[in-house]
Amino acid sequence: MSVLYHALQGEQAYEKYASDARRAGDGELQQCFDDCRSEEHERAQQAKRLLADRLDVEDDDDDDDADDDDDETSGEDEEDEER
Protein backbone atom coordinates (compact mmCIF):
# COMPACT_ATOMS: atom_id res chain seq x y z
CA MET A 1 0.00 0.00 0.00
CA SER A 2 2.85 2.35 0.88
CA VAL A 3 4.55 1.71 -2.47
CA LEU A 4 1.37 2.69 -4.30
CA TYR A 5 1.02 5.88 -2.27
CA HIS A 6 4.62 6.93 -2.83
CA ALA A 7 4.52 6.08 -6.54
CA LEU A 8 1.45 8.28 -6.96
CA GLN A 9 3.11 11.07 -4.99
CA GLY A 10 6.24 10.74 -7.11
CA GLU A 11 4.22 10.85 -10.31
CA GLN A 12 2.59 14.08 -9.19
CA ALA A 13 5.93 15.62 -8.20
CA TYR A 14 7.58 14.71 -11.51
CA GLU A 15 4.66 16.24 -13.37
CA LYS A 16 5.27 19.52 -11.54
CA TYR A 17 9.04 19.35 -12.17
CA ALA A 18 8.43 18.73 -15.89
CA SER A 19 6.06 21.68 -16.01
CA ASP A 20 8.66 23.88 -14.33
CA ALA A 21 11.32 22.73 -16.80
CA ARG A 22 8.95 23.42 -19.71
CA ARG A 23 8.34 26.97 -18.45
CA ALA A 24 12.10 27.44 -18.10
CA GLY A 25 12.55 26.30 -21.70
CA ASP A 26 14.70 23.28 -20.78
CA GLY A 27 13.39 20.53 -23.06
CA GLU A 28 16.03 18.00 -22.04
CA LEU A 29 15.19 18.36 -18.35
CA GLN A 30 11.48 18.28 -19.13
CA GLN A 31 11.93 15.00 -21.02
CA CYS A 32 13.89 13.53 -18.11
CA PHE A 33 11.09 14.39 -15.67
CA ASP A 34 8.44 13.13 -18.11
CA ASP A 35 10.30 9.81 -18.29
CA CYS A 36 10.51 9.62 -14.49
CA ARG A 37 6.80 10.40 -14.22
CA SER A 38 6.00 7.66 -16.70
CA GLU A 39 8.07 5.15 -14.70
CA GLU A 40 6.28 6.14 -11.48
CA HIS A 41 2.94 5.78 -13.25
CA GLU A 42 3.83 2.24 -14.34
CA ARG A 43 5.04 1.42 -10.83
CA ALA A 44 1.77 2.72 -9.35
CA GLN A 45 -0.30 0.70 -11.83
CA GLN A 46 1.66 -2.46 -11.02
CA ALA A 47 1.28 -1.89 -7.28
CA LYS A 48 -2.45 -1.30 -7.74
CA ARG A 49 -2.87 -4.54 -9.72
CA LEU A 50 -0.90 -6.54 -7.15
CA LEU A 51 -2.86 -5.06 -4.26
CA ALA A 52 -6.19 -5.70 -5.99
CA ASP A 53 -5.19 -9.31 -6.71
CA ARG A 54 -4.37 -9.87 -3.07
CA LEU A 55 -7.54 -8.19 -1.82
CA ASP A 56 -9.58 -10.38 -4.17
CA VAL A 57 -7.88 -13.47 -2.74
CA GLU A 58 -8.63 -12.32 0.81
CA ASP A 59 -12.25 -11.60 -0.11
CA ASP A 60 -12.56 -15.07 -1.62
CA ASP A 61 -11.16 -16.57 1.59
CA ASP A 62 -13.63 -14.56 3.66
CA ASP A 63 -16.49 -15.76 1.44
CA ASP A 64 -15.42 -19.36 2.01
CA ASP A 65 -15.41 -18.79 5.77
CA ALA A 66 -18.86 -17.24 5.60
CA ASP A 67 -20.14 -20.24 3.65
CA ASP A 68 -18.72 -22.56 6.31
CA ASP A 69 -20.51 -20.60 9.02
CA ASP A 70 -23.77 -20.81 7.07
CA ASP A 71 -23.40 -24.56 6.76
CA GLU A 72 -22.92 -24.96 10.49
CA THR A 73 -25.91 -22.77 11.27
CA SER A 74 -28.06 -24.61 8.77
CA GLY A 75 -27.21 -27.91 10.41
CA GLU A 76 -28.20 -26.60 13.82
CA ASP A 77 -31.53 -25.34 12.50
CA GLU A 78 -32.28 -28.72 10.99
CA GLU A 79 -31.48 -30.44 14.29
CA ASP A 80 -33.81 -28.08 16.13
CA GLU A 81 -36.59 -28.81 13.65
CA GLU A 82 -36.17 -32.57 14.13
CA ARG A 83 -36.56 -32.27 17.92
PDB file of N, CA and C in Angstrom:
ATOM      1  N   MET A   1       0.831  -1.176   0.000  1.00  0.00           N
ATOM      2  CA  MET A   1       0.000   0.000   0.000  1.00  0.00           C
ATOM      3  C   MET A   1       0.884   1.250   0.000  1.00  0.00           C
ATOM      4  N   SER A   2       1.936   1.211   0.786  1.00  0.00           N
ATOM      5  CA  SER A   2       2.845   2.346   0.877  1.00  0.00           C
ATOM      6  C   SER A   2       3.532   2.611  -0.465  1.00  0.00           C
ATOM      7  N   VAL A   3       3.900   1.558  -1.173  1.00  0.00           N
ATOM      8  CA  VAL A   3       4.553   1.713  -2.474  1.00  0.00           C
ATOM      9  C   VAL A   3       3.612   2.426  -3.445  1.00  0.00           C
ATOM     10  N   LEU A   4       2.349   2.050  -3.436  1.00  0.00           N
ATOM     11  CA  LEU A   4       1.367   2.693  -4.303  1.00  0.00           C
ATOM     12  C   LEU A   4       1.263   4.173  -3.969  1.00  0.00           C
ATOM     13  N   TYR A   5       1.138   4.488  -2.701  1.00  0.00           N
ATOM     14  CA  TYR A   5       1.018   5.878  -2.269  1.00  0.00           C
ATOM     15  C   TYR A   5       2.219   6.703  -2.730  1.00  0.00           C
ATOM     16  N   HIS A   6       3.413   6.183  -2.487  1.00  0.00           N
ATOM     17  CA  HIS A   6       4.624   6.928  -2.833  1.00  0.00           C
ATOM     18  C   HIS A   6       4.814   7.036  -4.341  1.00  0.00           C
ATOM     19  N   ALA A   7       4.425   6.017  -5.084  1.00  0.00           N
ATOM     20  CA  ALA A   7       4.519   6.085  -6.544  1.00  0.00           C
ATOM     21  C   ALA A   7       3.588   7.166  -7.075  1.00  0.00           C
ATOM     22  N   LEU A   8       2.388   7.244  -6.525  1.00  0.00           N
ATOM     23  CA  LEU A   8       1.446   8.278  -6.957  1.00  0.00           C
ATOM     24  C   LEU A   8       1.945   9.670  -6.572  1.00  0.00           C
ATOM     25  N   GLN A   9       2.526   9.793  -5.396  1.00  0.00           N
ATOM     26  CA  GLN A   9       3.109  11.073  -4.989  1.00  0.00           C
ATOM     27  C   GLN A   9       4.262  11.455  -5.913  1.00  0.00           C
ATOM     28  N   GLY A  10       5.113  10.490  -6.222  1.00  0.00           N
ATOM     29  CA  GLY A  10       6.243  10.739  -7.113  1.00  0.00           C
ATOM     30  C   GLY A  10       5.788  11.161  -8.493  1.00  0.00           C
ATOM     31  N   GLU A  11       4.751  10.498  -8.993  1.00  0.00           N
ATOM     32  CA  GLU A  11       4.221  10.846 -10.309  1.00  0.00           C
ATOM     33  C   GLU A  11       3.766  12.306 -10.332  1.00  0.00           C
ATOM     34  N   GLN A  12       3.079  12.706  -9.285  1.00  0.00           N
ATOM     35  CA  GLN A  12       2.590  14.082  -9.192  1.00  0.00           C
ATOM     36  C   GLN A  12       3.759  15.073  -9.111  1.00  0.00           C
ATOM     37  N   ALA A  13       4.773  14.736  -8.339  1.00  0.00           N
ATOM     38  CA  ALA A  13       5.932  15.619  -8.199  1.00  0.00           C
ATOM     39  C   ALA A  13       6.667  15.761  -9.530  1.00  0.00           C
ATOM     40  N   TYR A  14       6.888  14.646 -10.231  1.00  0.00           N
ATOM     41  CA  TYR A  14       7.585  14.706 -11.511  1.00  0.00           C
ATOM     42  C   TYR A  14       6.800  15.512 -12.537  1.00  0.00           C
ATOM     43  N   GLU A  15       5.488  15.448 -12.464  1.00  0.00           N
ATOM     44  CA  GLU A  15       4.662  16.243 -13.374  1.00  0.00           C
ATOM     45  C   GLU A  15       4.908  17.735 -13.140  1.00  0.00           C
ATOM     46  N   LYS A  16       5.000  18.118 -11.877  1.00  0.00           N
ATOM     47  CA  LYS A  16       5.272  19.518 -11.539  1.00  0.00           C
ATOM     48  C   LYS A  16       6.677  19.912 -12.003  1.00  0.00           C
ATOM     49  N   TYR A  17       7.661  19.043 -11.756  1.00  0.00           N
ATOM     50  CA  TYR A  17       9.036  19.349 -12.167  1.00  0.00           C
ATOM     51  C   TYR A  17       9.118  19.503 -13.688  1.00  0.00           C
ATOM     52  N   ALA A  18       8.422  18.646 -14.428  1.00  0.00           N
ATOM     53  CA  ALA A  18       8.427  18.728 -15.890  1.00  0.00           C
ATOM     54  C   ALA A  18       7.798  20.040 -16.350  1.00  0.00           C
ATOM     55  N   SER A  19       6.719  20.414 -15.679  1.00  0.00           N
ATOM     56  CA  SER A  19       6.059  21.678 -16.010  1.00  0.00           C
ATOM     57  C   SER A  19       6.993  22.862 -15.756  1.00  0.00           C
ATOM     58  N   ASP A  20       7.698  22.822 -14.637  1.00  0.00           N
ATOM     59  CA  ASP A  20       8.660  23.883 -14.329  1.00  0.00           C
ATOM     60  C   ASP A  20       9.764  23.938 -15.377  1.00  0.00           C
ATOM     61  N   ALA A  21      10.263  22.780 -15.786  1.00  0.00           N
ATOM     62  CA  ALA A  21      11.316  22.725 -16.803  1.00  0.00           C
ATOM     63  C   ALA A  21      10.801  23.253 -18.138  1.00  0.00           C
ATOM     64  N   ARG A  22       9.556  22.929 -18.471  1.00  0.00           N
ATOM     65  CA  ARG A  22       8.949  23.415 -19.715  1.00  0.00           C
ATOM     66  C   ARG A  22       8.876  24.944 -19.691  1.00  0.00           C
ATOM     67  N   ARG A  23       8.427  25.505 -18.567  1.00  0.00           N
ATOM     68  CA  ARG A  23       8.340  26.967 -18.450  1.00  0.00           C
ATOM     69  C   ARG A  23       9.725  27.620 -18.539  1.00  0.00           C
ATOM     70  N   ALA A  24      10.734  26.913 -18.050  1.00  0.00           N
ATOM     71  CA  ALA A  24      12.100  27.437 -18.098  1.00  0.00           C
ATOM     72  C   ALA A  24      12.736  27.240 -19.478  1.00  0.00           C
ATOM     73  N   GLY A  25      12.039  26.514 -20.344  1.00  0.00           N
ATOM     74  CA  GLY A  25      12.554  26.300 -21.695  1.00  0.00           C
ATOM     75  C   GLY A  25      13.623  25.230 -21.783  1.00  0.00           C
ATOM     76  N   ASP A  26      13.696  24.349 -20.802  1.00  0.00           N
ATOM     77  CA  ASP A  26      14.702  23.284 -20.784  1.00  0.00           C
ATOM     78  C   ASP A  26      14.048  21.961 -21.197  1.00  0.00           C
ATOM     79  N   GLY A  27      14.032  21.717 -22.498  1.00  0.00           N
ATOM     80  CA  GLY A  27      13.385  20.534 -23.056  1.00  0.00           C
ATOM     81  C   GLY A  27      14.018  19.229 -22.600  1.00  0.00           C
ATOM     82  N   GLU A  28      15.336  19.220 -22.462  1.00  0.00           N
ATOM     83  CA  GLU A  28      16.025  17.999 -22.040  1.00  0.00           C
ATOM     84  C   GLU A  28      15.619  17.613 -20.616  1.00  0.00           C
ATOM     85  N   LEU A  29      15.592  18.605 -19.729  1.00  0.00           N
ATOM     86  CA  LEU A  29      15.193  18.357 -18.351  1.00  0.00           C
ATOM     87  C   LEU A  29      13.717  17.967 -18.277  1.00  0.00           C
ATOM     88  N   GLN A  30      12.908  18.627 -19.092  1.00  0.00           N
ATOM     89  CA  GLN A  30      11.481  18.277 -19.133  1.00  0.00           C
ATOM     90  C   GLN A  30      11.304  16.822 -19.545  1.00  0.00           C
ATOM     91  N   GLN A  31      12.028  16.378 -20.560  1.00  0.00           N
ATOM     92  CA  GLN A  31      11.928  14.997 -21.022  1.00  0.00           C
ATOM     93  C   GLN A  31      12.359  14.023 -19.933  1.00  0.00           C
ATOM     94  N   CYS A  32      13.414  14.379 -19.211  1.00  0.00           N
ATOM     95  CA  CYS A  32      13.889  13.531 -18.113  1.00  0.00           C
ATOM     96  C   CYS A  32      12.784  13.356 -17.066  1.00  0.00           C
ATOM     97  N   PHE A  33      12.148  14.463 -16.673  1.00  0.00           N
ATOM     98  CA  PHE A  33      11.090  14.385 -15.668  1.00  0.00           C
ATOM     99  C   PHE A  33       9.852  13.674 -16.216  1.00  0.00           C
ATOM    100  N   ASP A  34       9.560  13.852 -17.496  1.00  0.00           N
ATOM    101  CA  ASP A  34       8.438  13.125 -18.105  1.00  0.00           C
ATOM    102  C   ASP A  34       8.696  11.619 -18.072  1.00  0.00           C
ATOM    103  N   ASP A  35       9.941  11.233 -18.347  1.00  0.00           N
ATOM    104  CA  ASP A  35      10.305   9.813 -18.295  1.00  0.00           C
ATOM    105  C   ASP A  35      10.167   9.267 -16.868  1.00  0.00           C
ATOM    106  N   CYS A  36      10.630  10.036 -15.890  1.00  0.00           N
ATOM    107  CA  CYS A  36      10.510   9.620 -14.489  1.00  0.00           C
ATOM    108  C   CYS A  36       9.045   9.499 -14.089  1.00  0.00           C
ATOM    109  N   ARG A  37       8.222  10.438 -14.539  1.00  0.00           N
ATOM    110  CA  ARG A  37       6.797  10.404 -14.222  1.00  0.00           C
ATOM    111  C   ARG A  37       6.159   9.160 -14.823  1.00  0.00           C
ATOM    112  N   SER A  38       6.533   8.846 -16.038  1.00  0.00           N
ATOM    113  CA  SER A  38       6.001   7.656 -16.700  1.00  0.00           C
ATOM    114  C   SER A  38       6.383   6.377 -15.941  1.00  0.00           C
ATOM    115  N   GLU A  39       7.619   6.309 -15.475  1.00  0.00           N
ATOM    116  CA  GLU A  39       8.066   5.149 -14.700  1.00  0.00           C
ATOM    117  C   GLU A  39       7.285   5.030 -13.386  1.00  0.00           C
ATOM    118  N   GLU A  40       7.057   6.153 -12.727  1.00  0.00           N
ATOM    119  CA  GLU A  40       6.278   6.142 -11.479  1.00  0.00           C
ATOM    120  C   GLU A  40       4.842   5.714 -11.755  1.00  0.00           C
ATOM    121  N   HIS A  41       4.302   6.162 -12.877  1.00  0.00           N
ATOM    122  CA  HIS A  41       2.936   5.782 -13.247  1.00  0.00           C
ATOM    123  C   HIS A  41       2.847   4.262 -13.426  1.00  0.00           C
ATOM    124  N   GLU A  42       3.806   3.691 -14.137  1.00  0.00           N
ATOM    125  CA  GLU A  42       3.828   2.241 -14.341  1.00  0.00           C
ATOM    126  C   GLU A  42       3.977   1.502 -13.009  1.00  0.00           C
ATOM    127  N   ARG A  43       4.828   2.029 -12.145  1.00  0.00           N
ATOM    128  CA  ARG A  43       5.036   1.420 -10.825  1.00  0.00           C
ATOM    129  C   ARG A  43       3.732   1.465 -10.020  1.00  0.00           C
ATOM    130  N   ALA A  44       3.039   2.591 -10.080  1.00  0.00           N
ATOM    131  CA  ALA A  44       1.770   2.720  -9.352  1.00  0.00           C
ATOM    132  C   ALA A  44       0.733   1.751  -9.903  1.00  0.00           C
ATOM    133  N   GLN A  45       0.664   1.614 -11.218  1.00  0.00           N
ATOM    134  CA  GLN A  45      -0.295   0.696 -11.827  1.00  0.00           C
ATOM    135  C   GLN A  45      -0.003  -0.746 -11.434  1.00  0.00           C
ATOM    136  N   GLN A  46       1.278  -1.103 -11.422  1.00  0.00           N
ATOM    137  CA  GLN A  46       1.656  -2.462 -11.021  1.00  0.00           C
ATOM    138  C   GLN A  46       1.296  -2.705  -9.556  1.00  0.00           C
ATOM    139  N   ALA A  47       1.598  -1.743  -8.699  1.00  0.00           N
ATOM    140  CA  ALA A  47       1.277  -1.890  -7.279  1.00  0.00           C
ATOM    141  C   ALA A  47      -0.230  -2.010  -7.083  1.00  0.00           C
ATOM    142  N   LYS A  48      -1.000  -1.251  -7.841  1.00  0.00           N
ATOM    143  CA  LYS A  48      -2.455  -1.299  -7.739  1.00  0.00           C
ATOM    144  C   LYS A  48      -2.991  -2.670  -8.166  1.00  0.00           C
ATOM    145  N   ARG A  49      -2.448  -3.202  -9.263  1.00  0.00           N
ATOM    146  CA  ARG A  49      -2.871  -4.540  -9.717  1.00  0.00           C
ATOM    147  C   ARG A  49      -2.542  -5.605  -8.676  1.00  0.00           C
ATOM    148  N   LEU A  50      -1.325  -5.548  -8.151  1.00  0.00           N
ATOM    149  CA  LEU A  50      -0.900  -6.544  -7.155  1.00  0.00           C
ATOM    150  C   LEU A  50      -1.755  -6.461  -5.891  1.00  0.00           C
ATOM    151  N   LEU A  51      -2.029  -5.247  -5.449  1.00  0.00           N
ATOM    152  CA  LEU A  51      -2.861  -5.057  -4.264  1.00  0.00           C
ATOM    153  C   LEU A  51      -4.279  -5.569  -4.513  1.00  0.00           C
ATOM    154  N   ALA A  52      -4.828  -5.245  -5.665  1.00  0.00           N
ATOM    155  CA  ALA A  52      -6.188  -5.698  -5.994  1.00  0.00           C
ATOM    156  C   ALA A  52      -6.249  -7.220  -6.053  1.00  0.00           C
ATOM    157  N   ASP A  53      -5.230  -7.836  -6.638  1.00  0.00           N
ATOM    158  CA  ASP A  53      -5.193  -9.305  -6.705  1.00  0.00           C
ATOM    159  C   ASP A  53      -5.210  -9.912  -5.305  1.00  0.00           C
ATOM    160  N   ARG A  54      -4.440  -9.324  -4.417  1.00  0.00           N
ATOM    161  CA  ARG A  54      -4.371  -9.867  -3.065  1.00  0.00           C
ATOM    162  C   ARG A  54      -5.643  -9.594  -2.275  1.00  0.00           C
ATOM    163  N   LEU A  55      -6.270  -8.476  -2.498  1.00  0.00           N
ATOM    164  CA  LEU A  55      -7.537  -8.186  -1.824  1.00  0.00           C
ATOM    165  C   LEU A  55      -8.627  -9.116  -2.328  1.00  0.00           C
ATOM    166  N   ASP A  56      -8.616  -9.431  -3.619  1.00  0.00           N
ATOM    167  CA  ASP A  56      -9.583 -10.378  -4.169  1.00  0.00           C
ATOM    168  C   ASP A  56      -9.404 -11.746  -3.537  1.00  0.00           C
ATOM    169  N   VAL A  57      -8.159 -12.165  -3.352  1.00  0.00           N
ATOM    170  CA  VAL A  57      -7.879 -13.465  -2.745  1.00  0.00           C
ATOM    171  C   VAL A  57      -8.393 -13.476  -1.313  1.00  0.00           C
ATOM    172  N   GLU A  58      -8.153 -12.392  -0.565  1.00  0.00           N
ATOM    173  CA  GLU A  58      -8.629 -12.324   0.814  1.00  0.00           C
ATOM    174  C   GLU A  58     -10.146 -12.333   0.859  1.00  0.00           C
ATOM    175  N   ASP A  59     -10.796 -11.616  -0.066  1.00  0.00           N
ATOM    176  CA  ASP A  59     -12.252 -11.599  -0.113  1.00  0.00           C
ATOM    177  C   ASP A  59     -12.791 -12.991  -0.398  1.00  0.00           C
ATOM    178  N   ASP A  60     -12.135 -13.708  -1.309  1.00  0.00           N
ATOM    179  CA  ASP A  60     -12.557 -15.067  -1.625  1.00  0.00           C
ATOM    180  C   ASP A  60     -12.433 -15.960  -0.390  1.00  0.00           C
ATOM    181  N   ASP A  61     -11.345 -15.791   0.368  1.00  0.00           N
ATOM    182  CA  ASP A  61     -11.157 -16.574   1.594  1.00  0.00           C
ATOM    183  C   ASP A  61     -12.245 -16.245   2.607  1.00  0.00           C
ATOM    184  N   ASP A  62     -12.580 -14.972   2.732  1.00  0.00           N
ATOM    185  CA  ASP A  62     -13.631 -14.559   3.659  1.00  0.00           C
ATOM    186  C   ASP A  62     -14.965 -15.150   3.241  1.00  0.00           C
ATOM    187  N   ASP A  63     -15.241 -15.189   1.929  1.00  0.00           N
ATOM    188  CA  ASP A  63     -16.487 -15.764   1.442  1.00  0.00           C
ATOM    189  C   ASP A  63     -16.570 -17.239   1.788  1.00  0.00           C
ATOM    190  N   ASP A  64     -15.435 -17.941   1.672  1.00  0.00           N
ATOM    191  CA  ASP A  64     -15.417 -19.360   2.006  1.00  0.00           C
ATOM    192  C   ASP A  64     -15.729 -19.556   3.487  1.00  0.00           C
ATOM    193  N   ASP A  65     -15.149 -18.698   4.331  1.00  0.00           N
ATOM    194  CA  ASP A  65     -15.407 -18.792   5.769  1.00  0.00           C
ATOM    195  C   ASP A  65     -16.876 -18.534   6.060  1.00  0.00           C
ATOM    196  N   ALA A  66     -17.453 -17.563   5.377  1.00  0.00           N
ATOM    197  CA  ALA A  66     -18.857 -17.236   5.597  1.00  0.00           C
ATOM    198  C   ALA A  66     -19.737 -18.407   5.180  1.00  0.00           C
ATOM    199  N   ASP A  67     -19.372 -19.080   4.093  1.00  0.00           N
ATOM    200  CA  ASP A  67     -20.137 -20.240   3.651  1.00  0.00           C
ATOM    201  C   ASP A  67     -20.064 -21.346   4.690  1.00  0.00           C
ATOM    202  N   ASP A  68     -18.876 -21.530   5.288  1.00  0.00           N
ATOM    203  CA  ASP A  68     -18.717 -22.560   6.308  1.00  0.00           C
ATOM    204  C   ASP A  68     -19.608 -22.261   7.505  1.00  0.00           C
ATOM    205  N   ASP A  69     -19.672 -20.990   7.898  1.00  0.00           N
ATOM    206  CA  ASP A  69     -20.514 -20.603   9.022  1.00  0.00           C
ATOM    207  C   ASP A  69     -21.982 -20.860   8.712  1.00  0.00           C
ATOM    208  N   ASP A  70     -22.380 -20.577   7.477  1.00  0.00           N
ATOM    209  CA  ASP A  70     -23.767 -20.805   7.074  1.00  0.00           C
ATOM    210  C   ASP A  70     -24.105 -22.290   7.151  1.00  0.00           C
ATOM    211  N   ASP A  71     -23.152 -23.121   6.739  1.00  0.00           N
ATOM    212  CA  ASP A  71     -23.395 -24.565   6.756  1.00  0.00           C
ATOM    213  C   ASP A  71     -23.611 -25.050   8.183  1.00  0.00           C
ATOM    214  N   GLU A  72     -22.793 -24.540   9.102  1.00  0.00           N
ATOM    215  CA  GLU A  72     -22.918 -24.961  10.493  1.00  0.00           C
ATOM    216  C   GLU A  72     -24.254 -24.509  11.071  1.00  0.00           C
ATOM    217  N   THR A  73     -24.649 -23.305  10.763  1.00  0.00           N
ATOM    218  CA  THR A  73     -25.907 -22.769  11.273  1.00  0.00           C
ATOM    219  C   THR A  73     -27.074 -23.545  10.695  1.00  0.00           C
ATOM    220  N   SER A  74     -26.990 -23.858   9.407  1.00  0.00           N
ATOM    221  CA  SER A  74     -28.057 -24.612   8.766  1.00  0.00           C
ATOM    222  C   SER A  74     -28.238 -25.962   9.427  1.00  0.00           C
ATOM    223  N   GLY A  75     -27.143 -26.607   9.766  1.00  0.00           N
ATOM    224  CA  GLY A  75     -27.214 -27.913  10.410  1.00  0.00           C
ATOM    225  C   GLY A  75     -27.876 -27.821  11.774  1.00  0.00           C
ATOM    226  N   GLU A  76     -27.589 -26.770  12.510  1.00  0.00           N
ATOM    227  CA  GLU A  76     -28.197 -26.599  13.821  1.00  0.00           C
ATOM    228  C   GLU A  76     -29.696 -26.376  13.693  1.00  0.00           C
ATOM    229  N   ASP A  77     -30.104 -25.601  12.704  1.00  0.00           N
ATOM    230  CA  ASP A  77     -31.525 -25.339  12.498  1.00  0.00           C
ATOM    231  C   ASP A  77     -32.271 -26.622  12.166  1.00  0.00           C
ATOM    232  N   GLU A  78     -31.645 -27.460  11.362  1.00  0.00           N
ATOM    233  CA  GLU A  78     -32.275 -28.719  10.986  1.00  0.00           C
ATOM    234  C   GLU A  78     -32.436 -29.637  12.198  1.00  0.00           C
ATOM    235  N   GLU A  79     -31.400 -29.628  13.073  1.00  0.00           N
ATOM    236  CA  GLU A  79     -31.482 -30.441  14.286  1.00  0.00           C
ATOM    237  C   GLU A  79     -32.604 -29.973  15.184  1.00  0.00           C
ATOM    238  N   ASP A  80     -32.749 -28.644  15.307  1.00  0.00           N
ATOM    239  CA  ASP A  80     -33.809 -28.077  16.134  1.00  0.00           C
ATOM    240  C   ASP A  80     -35.185 -28.466  15.589  1.00  0.00           C
ATOM    241  N   GLU A  81     -35.323 -28.468  14.269  1.00  0.00           N
ATOM    242  CA  GLU A  81     -36.593 -28.810  13.646  1.00  0.00           C
ATOM    243  C   GLU A  81     -36.965 -30.278  13.901  1.00  0.00           C
ATOM    244  N   GLU A  82     -35.925 -31.157  13.928  1.00  0.00           N
ATOM    245  CA  GLU A  82     -36.174 -32.571  14.131  1.00  0.00           C
ATOM    246  C   GLU A  82     -36.636 -32.860  15.564  1.00  0.00           C
ATOM    247  N   ARG A  83     -36.229 -32.042  16.527  1.00  0.00           N
ATOM    248  CA  ARG A  83     -36.559 -32.270  17.921  1.00  0.00           C
ATOM    249  C   ARG A  83     -37.965 -31.888  18.127  1.00  0.00           C
TER     250      ARG A  83
END
